[in-house]
N, C-alpha and C. Protein backbone atom coordinates (compact mmCIF):
# COMPACT_ATOMS: atom_id res chain seq x y z
N MET A 1 5.87 -3.83 -6.13
CA MET A 1 4.67 -4.48 -5.36
C MET A 1 5.19 -5.40 -3.96
N ALA A 2 6.15 -6.32 -5.00
CA ALA A 2 6.72 -7.39 -4.07
C ALA A 2 7.28 -6.52 -2.79
N ASP A 3 7.95 -5.64 -2.97
CA ASP A 3 8.75 -4.85 -1.87
C ASP A 3 7.42 -4.70 -0.85
N GLU A 4 6.52 -4.00 -1.07
CA GLU A 4 5.39 -3.83 -0.17
C GLU A 4 5.16 -4.90 0.73
N GLU A 5 4.88 -6.20 -0.22
CA GLU A 5 4.41 -7.55 0.32
C GLU A 5 5.67 -7.84 1.48
N ASP A 6 6.75 -7.90 1.19
CA ASP A 6 8.03 -8.06 1.93
C ASP A 6 7.93 -7.29 3.23
N GLU A 7 7.96 -6.23 3.05
CA GLU A 7 7.90 -5.18 4.22
C GLU A 7 6.83 -5.28 4.98
N LEU A 8 5.45 -5.71 4.70
CA LEU A 8 4.47 -6.30 5.46
C LEU A 8 4.65 -7.49 6.37
N LEU A 9 5.46 -8.39 5.39
CA LEU A 9 5.65 -9.65 6.23
C LEU A 9 6.78 -9.48 7.25
N GLU A 10 7.51 -8.43 7.52
CA GLU A 10 8.48 -8.13 8.23
C GLU A 10 8.08 -7.41 9.72
N THR A 11 6.92 -6.87 9.59
CA THR A 11 6.44 -6.10 10.55
C THR A 11 6.30 -6.65 11.80
N GLU A 12 7.05 -6.40 13.00
CA GLU A 12 6.66 -6.83 14.48
C GLU A 12 5.28 -6.55 14.94
N LEU A 13 4.93 -7.74 15.53
CA LEU A 13 3.64 -6.98 16.12
C LEU A 13 3.76 -6.50 17.35
N SER A 14 2.40 -5.51 17.96
CA SER A 14 2.96 -4.91 19.19
C SER A 14 2.31 -5.70 20.17
N TYR A 15 2.58 -5.46 21.33
CA TYR A 15 2.49 -6.14 22.66
C TYR A 15 0.93 -6.72 22.61
N ASP A 16 0.18 -5.44 22.48
CA ASP A 16 -1.25 -5.69 22.45
C ASP A 16 -1.77 -6.47 21.30
N GLN A 17 -1.22 -6.72 20.15
CA GLN A 17 -1.67 -7.42 19.07
C GLN A 17 -1.51 -9.05 19.47
N LYS A 18 -0.26 -9.25 19.89
CA LYS A 18 0.38 -10.55 20.56
C LYS A 18 -0.43 -10.98 21.68
N LYS A 19 -1.10 -10.15 22.39
CA LYS A 19 -1.92 -10.54 23.58
C LYS A 19 -3.32 -10.99 23.00
N GLU A 20 -4.02 -10.10 21.87
CA GLU A 20 -5.24 -10.37 21.40
C GLU A 20 -5.06 -11.74 20.84
N ILE A 21 -4.29 -12.15 20.33
CA ILE A 21 -4.07 -13.27 19.24
C ILE A 21 -3.85 -14.63 20.39
N ALA A 22 -3.18 -14.39 21.42
CA ALA A 22 -3.06 -15.38 22.40
C ALA A 22 -4.26 -15.34 23.00
N LYS A 23 -5.17 -14.59 23.57
CA LYS A 23 -6.12 -14.60 23.84
C LYS A 23 -7.28 -15.23 22.92
N TRP A 24 -7.39 -15.03 21.78
CA TRP A 24 -8.17 -15.79 20.88
C TRP A 24 -7.94 -17.30 20.70
N PHE A 25 -6.82 -17.70 20.91
CA PHE A 25 -6.32 -18.93 20.97
C PHE A 25 -7.08 -19.69 22.37
N PHE A 26 -6.85 -19.09 23.25
CA PHE A 26 -7.31 -19.77 24.51
C PHE A 26 -8.70 -19.73 24.52
N LEU A 27 -9.48 -18.52 24.15
CA LEU A 27 -10.93 -18.54 23.95
C LEU A 27 -11.66 -19.66 23.13
N ASN A 28 -10.75 -19.98 21.90
CA ASN A 28 -11.22 -21.05 20.88
C ASN A 28 -10.49 -22.33 20.91
N ALA A 29 -9.77 -22.60 21.99
CA ALA A 29 -9.10 -23.83 22.33
C ALA A 29 -10.24 -24.93 22.68
N PRO A 30 -10.11 -26.10 22.27
CA PRO A 30 -11.27 -27.19 22.47
C PRO A 30 -11.48 -27.57 23.98
N ALA A 31 -12.61 -27.90 24.19
CA ALA A 31 -12.86 -28.30 25.74
C ALA A 31 -11.75 -28.95 26.08
N GLY A 32 -11.30 -28.84 27.25
CA GLY A 32 -10.23 -29.88 27.89
C GLY A 32 -8.52 -29.59 27.37
N GLU A 33 -8.32 -29.13 26.40
CA GLU A 33 -7.50 -28.85 25.47
C GLU A 33 -6.53 -27.47 25.99
N ILE A 34 -6.98 -27.06 26.90
CA ILE A 34 -6.24 -25.31 27.18
C ILE A 34 -4.78 -25.74 27.52
N ASN A 35 -4.58 -26.65 28.32
CA ASN A 35 -3.18 -27.12 28.79
C ASN A 35 -2.20 -27.05 27.69
N TYR A 36 -2.72 -28.05 26.62
CA TYR A 36 -2.21 -28.54 25.37
C TYR A 36 -1.83 -27.25 24.56
N VAL A 37 -2.79 -26.35 24.42
CA VAL A 37 -2.68 -25.02 23.79
C VAL A 37 -1.67 -24.19 24.36
N ALA A 38 -1.57 -24.09 25.76
CA ALA A 38 -0.75 -23.14 26.43
C ALA A 38 0.84 -23.60 26.48
N LYS A 39 0.92 -24.94 26.55
CA LYS A 39 2.21 -25.42 26.54
C LYS A 39 2.62 -25.63 25.24
N GLY A 40 2.01 -25.71 24.01
CA GLY A 40 2.69 -25.47 22.88
C GLY A 40 3.22 -26.35 22.45
N THR A 41 2.80 -27.56 22.77
CA THR A 41 3.32 -29.21 22.23
C THR A 41 2.21 -29.73 21.30
């Protein structure tokens, strides 16, 4: 079972998955904080 969990953690996300995650962060960023979220600081 531990091997299965390790295997899942090492799976590379696809480009579309990464894009959807980024989109979610931008859509859910607090008002006026888009630049802060985009910059990553």
